[in-house]
C-alpha atoms as a PDB file:
ATOM      1  CA  MET A   1       0.000   0.000   0.000  1.00  0.00           C
ATOM      2  CA  MET A   2       1.298   3.432  -0.958  1.00  0.00           C
ATOM      3  CA  THR A   3       1.738   6.202   1.561  1.00  0.00           C
ATOM      4  CA  ASN A   4      -0.129   9.469   1.132  1.00  0.00           C
ATOM      5  CA  TYR A   5       3.155  11.085   0.020  1.00  0.00           C
ATOM      6  CA  GLU A   6       3.685   8.435  -2.675  1.00  0.00           C
ATOM      7  CA  THR A   7       0.062   8.656  -3.812  1.00  0.00           C
ATOM      8  CA  ASN A   8       0.363  12.432  -4.197  1.00  0.00           C
ATOM      9  CA  GLU A   9       3.570  12.015  -6.231  1.00  0.00           C
ATOM     10  CA  MET A  10       1.961   9.477  -8.581  1.00  0.00           C
ATOM     11  CA  MET A  11      -1.209  11.522  -9.042  1.00  0.00           C
ATOM     12  CA  VAL A  12       0.688  14.731  -9.761  1.00  0.00           C
ATOM     13  CA  LYS A  13       2.698  12.988 -12.487  1.00  0.00           C
ATOM     14  CA  GLU A  14      -0.521  11.820 -14.141  1.00  0.00           C
ATOM     15  CA  ILE A  15      -2.220  15.200 -13.767  1.00  0.00           C
ATOM     16  CA  ALA A  16       0.820  16.980 -15.233  1.00  0.00           C
ATOM     17  CA  GLU A  17       0.792  14.595 -18.214  1.00  0.00           C
ATOM     18  CA  LEU A  18      -2.925  15.263 -18.740  1.00  0.00           C
ATOM     19  CA  LEU A  19      -2.384  19.025 -18.693  1.00  0.00           C
ATOM     20  CA  LYS A  20       0.613  18.794 -21.043  1.00  0.00           C
ATOM     21  CA  LYS A  21      -1.216  16.426 -23.403  1.00  0.00           C
ATOM     22  CA  HIS A  22      -4.017  18.958 -23.840  1.00  0.00           C
ATOM     23  CA  ASP A  23      -1.682  21.974 -23.710  1.00  0.00           C
ATOM     24  CA  ILE A  24      -3.472  23.474 -20.717  1.00  0.00           C
ATOM     25  CA  PHE A  25      -0.667  23.689 -18.158  1.00  0.00           C
ATOM     26  CA  HIS A  26      -0.464  27.468 -18.659  1.00  0.00           C
ATOM     27  CA  ASP A  27      -0.957  29.621 -15.551  1.00  0.00           C
ATOM     28  CA  THR A  28      -1.394  26.498 -13.415  1.00  0.00           C
ATOM     29  CA  ASN A  29       0.124  25.671 -10.038  1.00  0.00           C
ATOM     30  CA  ILE A  30      -0.042  22.250  -8.399  1.00  0.00           C
ATOM     31  CA  PHE A  31       0.661  22.072  -4.671  1.00  0.00           C
ATOM     32  CA  TYR A  32       1.534  18.726  -3.076  1.00  0.00           C
ATOM     33  CA  ASN A  33       3.879  17.298  -0.441  1.00  0.00           C
ATOM     34  CA  GLY A  34       5.235  20.736   0.453  1.00  0.00           C
ATOM     35  CA  LYS A  35       6.047  21.418  -3.203  1.00  0.00           C
ATOM     36  CA  LEU A  36       4.777  23.627  -5.989  1.00  0.00           C
ATOM     37  CA  MET A  37       4.853  22.419  -9.595  1.00  0.00           C
ATOM     38  CA  THR A  38       4.365  24.985 -12.311  1.00  0.00           C
ATOM     39  CA  ASN A  39       5.137  25.304 -16.001  1.00  0.00           C
ATOM     40  CA  ASP A  40       7.742  27.633 -17.494  1.00  0.00           C
ATOM     41  CA  SER A  41       5.960  28.496 -20.737  1.00  0.00           C
ATOM     42  CA  GLU A  42       9.059  30.076 -22.285  1.00  0.00           C
ATOM     43  CA  LYS A  43      11.272  27.028 -21.775  1.00  0.00           C
ATOM     44  CA  GLN A  44       8.389  24.546 -22.042  1.00  0.00           C
ATOM     45  CA  GLU A  45       9.471  22.697 -18.906  1.00  0.00           C
ATOM     46  CA  LEU A  46       8.066  21.936 -15.490  1.00  0.00           C
ATOM     47  CA  ILE A  47       9.541  23.641 -12.451  1.00  0.00           C
ATOM     48  CA  ILE A  48       9.228  22.253  -8.927  1.00  0.00           C
ATOM     49  CA  TYR A  49       9.774  24.474  -5.902  1.00  0.00           C
ATOM     50  CA  GLU A  50      10.401  22.892  -2.492  1.00  0.00           C
ATOM     51  CA  ASN A  51       9.292  23.970   0.994  1.00  0.00           C
ATOM     52  CA  ILE A  52       6.023  25.497  -0.163  1.00  0.00           C
ATOM     53  CA  ASP A  53       2.953  25.773   2.056  1.00  0.00           C
ATOM     54  CA  VAL A  54      -0.264  25.832   0.045  1.00  0.00           C
ATOM     55  CA  LYS A  55      -1.872  27.925   2.812  1.00  0.00           C
ATOM     56  CA  ASP A  56       0.383  30.816   1.770  1.00  0.00           C
ATOM     57  CA  TYR A  57      -1.248  30.835  -1.685  1.00  0.00           C
ATOM     58  CA  THR A  58      -4.930  30.024  -1.323  1.00  0.00           C
ATOM     59  CA  LYS A  59      -7.744  30.040   1.207  1.00  0.00           C
ATOM     60  CA  HIS A  60      -9.264  26.844  -0.202  1.00  0.00           C
ATOM     61  CA  GLY A  61      -7.129  23.760  -0.555  1.00  0.00           C
ATOM     62  CA  ASN A  62      -5.996  20.510   0.952  1.00  0.00           C
ATOM     63  CA  PRO A  63      -2.455  20.629   2.368  1.00  0.00           C
ATOM     64  CA  ASP A  64      -2.610  16.857   2.900  1.00  0.00           C
ATOM     65  CA  MET A  65      -3.230  15.958  -0.732  1.00  0.00           C
ATOM     66  CA  ILE A  66      -3.199  17.978  -3.958  1.00  0.00           C
ATOM     67  CA  THR A  67      -4.419  21.515  -4.571  1.00  0.00           C
ATOM     68  CA  MET A  68      -4.455  23.132  -8.004  1.00  0.00           C
ATOM     69  CA  GLN A  69      -4.731  26.805  -8.989  1.00  0.00           C
ATOM     70  CA  TYR A  70      -5.415  27.834 -12.576  1.00  0.00           C
ATOM     71  CA  GLN A  71      -6.425  30.884 -14.553  1.00  0.00           C
ATOM     72  CA  GLY A  72      -6.543  32.102 -18.115  1.00  0.00           C
ATOM     73  CA  GLU A  73      -7.991  30.969 -21.391  1.00  0.00           C
ATOM     74  CA  ASN A  74      -5.576  28.084 -21.989  1.00  0.00           C
ATOM     75  CA  SER A  75      -5.886  26.430 -18.597  1.00  0.00           C
ATOM     76  CA  LEU A  76      -8.246  24.323 -16.525  1.00  0.00           C
ATOM     77  CA  TYR A  77     -10.144  27.517 -15.709  1.00  0.00           C
ATOM     78  CA  MET A  78     -12.101  27.463 -18.961  1.00  0.00           C
ATOM     79  CA  ILE A  79     -12.646  23.704 -18.780  1.00  0.00           C
ATOM     80  CA  VAL A  80     -13.673  23.259 -15.148  1.00  0.00           C
ATOM     81  CA  ASN A  81     -15.981  26.261 -15.348  1.00  0.00           C
ATOM     82  CA  GLY A  82     -17.626  24.949 -18.532  1.00  0.00           C
ATOM     83  CA  TYR A  83     -16.476  27.597 -21.007  1.00  0.00           C
ATOM     84  CA  ALA A  84     -14.258  25.452 -23.232  1.00  0.00           C
ATOM     85  CA  ASP A  85     -16.844  23.603 -25.318  1.00  0.00           C
ATOM     86  CA  GLY A  86     -17.416  26.462 -27.722  1.00  0.00           C
ATOM     87  CA  ILE A  87     -13.757  27.444 -27.907  1.00  0.00           C
ATOM     88  CA  ASP A  88     -11.878  24.266 -28.817  1.00  0.00           C
ATOM     89  CA  ALA A  89     -13.578  20.967 -29.578  1.00  0.00           C
ATOM     90  CA  ALA A  90     -10.353  19.067 -28.797  1.00  0.00           C
ATOM     91  CA  LYS A  91     -10.503  20.392 -25.229  1.00  0.00           C
ATOM     92  CA  ARG A  92     -14.140  19.738 -24.510  1.00  0.00           C
ATOM     93  CA  SER A  93     -14.664  20.197 -20.808  1.00  0.00           C
ATOM     94  CA  ASN A  94     -16.506  16.939 -20.281  1.00  0.00           C
ATOM     95  CA  GLY A  95     -13.613  14.895 -21.747  1.00  0.00           C
ATOM     96  CA  ILE A  96     -10.815  16.499 -19.743  1.00  0.00           C
ATOM     97  CA  VAL A  97     -12.885  16.614 -16.564  1.00  0.00           C
ATOM     98  CA  PHE A  98     -13.660  12.914 -17.066  1.00  0.00           C
ATOM     99  CA  GLU A  99      -9.923  12.175 -17.406  1.00  0.00           C
ATOM    100  CA  LEU A 100      -9.226  14.145 -14.211  1.00  0.00           C
ATOM    101  CA  ILE A 101     -11.973  12.214 -12.415  1.00  0.00           C
ATOM    102  CA  LYS A 102     -10.490   8.921 -13.628  1.00  0.00           C
ATOM    103  CA  ILE A 103      -7.068   9.848 -12.227  1.00  0.00           C
ATOM    104  CA  GLY A 104      -8.674  10.589  -8.865  1.00  0.00           C
ATOM    105  CA  GLU A 105     -10.718   7.380  -8.872  1.00  0.00           C
ATOM    106  CA  LYS A 106      -7.591   5.338  -9.517  1.00  0.00           C
ATOM    107  CA  TYR A 107      -6.318   6.538  -6.120  1.00  0.00           C
ATOM    108  CA  ASN A 108      -9.724   6.547  -4.346  1.00  0.00           C
ATOM    109  CA  ARG A 109      -9.906  10.349  -4.426  1.00  0.00           C
ATOM    110  CA  TRP A 110     -12.060  13.007  -6.009  1.00  0.00           C
ATOM    111  CA  TYR A 111     -11.783  16.736  -6.422  1.00  0.00           C
ATOM    112  CA  GLU A 112     -13.853  19.518  -4.974  1.00  0.00           C
ATOM    113  CA  LEU A 113     -13.907  23.093  -6.193  1.00  0.00           C
ATOM    114  CA  GLY A 114     -12.497  25.649  -3.788  1.00  0.00           C
ATOM    115  CA  SER A 115     -13.415  28.525  -6.087  1.00  0.00           C
ATOM    116  CA  ASN A 116     -13.636  29.127  -9.825  1.00  0.00           C
ATOM    117  CA  THR A 117      -9.814  29.230  -9.956  1.00  0.00           C
ATOM    118  CA  ASN A 118      -8.844  26.238  -7.845  1.00  0.00           C
ATOM    119  CA  LEU A 119      -9.673  22.683  -6.911  1.00  0.00           C
ATOM    120  CA  TYR A 120      -8.337  20.203  -4.393  1.00  0.00           C
ATOM    121  CA  PHE A 121      -8.476  16.470  -3.934  1.00  0.00           C
ATOM    122  CA  VAL A 122     -10.045  14.679  -0.983  1.00  0.00           C
ATOM    123  CA  SER A 123     -10.665  11.076  -0.011  1.00  0.00           C
ATOM    124  CA  ASP A 124     -13.137   9.237   2.157  1.00  0.00           C
ATOM    125  CA  GLU A 125     -10.490   6.829   3.400  1.00  0.00           C
ATOM    126  CA  ASP A 126     -10.338   6.848   7.161  1.00  0.00           C
ATOM    127  CA  THR A 127      -6.700   7.881   7.474  1.00  0.00           C
ATOM    128  CA  VAL A 128      -4.750  10.605   9.199  1.00  0.00           C
ATOM    129  CA  PHE A 129      -3.915  12.053   5.785  1.00  0.00           C
ATOM    130  CA  THR A 130      -7.406  13.173   4.858  1.00  0.00           C
ATOM    131  CA  THR A 131      -8.679  16.671   5.495  1.00  0.00           C
ATOM    132  CA  LYS A 132     -12.279  16.629   4.332  1.00  0.00           C
ATOM    133  CA  LYS A 133     -13.582  20.040   5.326  1.00  0.00           C
ATOM    134  CA  PHE A 134     -11.401  23.031   5.911  1.00  0.00           C
ATOM    135  CA  ASP A 135     -11.242  26.711   5.250  1.00  0.00           C
ATOM    136  CA  PHE A 136      -8.116  28.381   6.468  1.00  0.00           C
ATOM    137  CA  THR A 137      -7.047  31.964   6.367  1.00  0.00           C
ATOM    138  CA  MET A 138      -3.929  32.866   4.429  1.00  0.00           C
ATOM    139  CA  ARG A 139      -1.005  33.765   6.621  1.00  0.00           C
ATOM    140  CA  SER A 140      -0.153  37.450   6.717  1.00  0.00           C
ATOM    141  CA  ASP A 141       3.529  37.116   7.682  1.00  0.00           C
END
């Protein structure tokens, strides 16, 4: 059985591949395991920053699992919020959302929307790793 840390690592790899496959990793941040993964659009490469606390970046998220922030026309923003269908048939929201759901199901997780610009994964497994309901205030220091 994988640890929560290992599960997060595996899921993030799959999510990153999904976003790259559909060219929607622009203006997206993925927080997991005290890390931040983002995409350098100029160099077309992923960048991972260490020692990152998701609570410093968003009010809605899950520091125990995976939290994603996105914005802009070529990101999950358009897809998750249902605006992509008329823009690009190859990026139909129902298809990409279904793929994201399948990744979560593979690891017994699902995502919830924190706002129109972020989502986070949760699980119903009865473990110390799961934070089901939370709303924290961003640190001011």
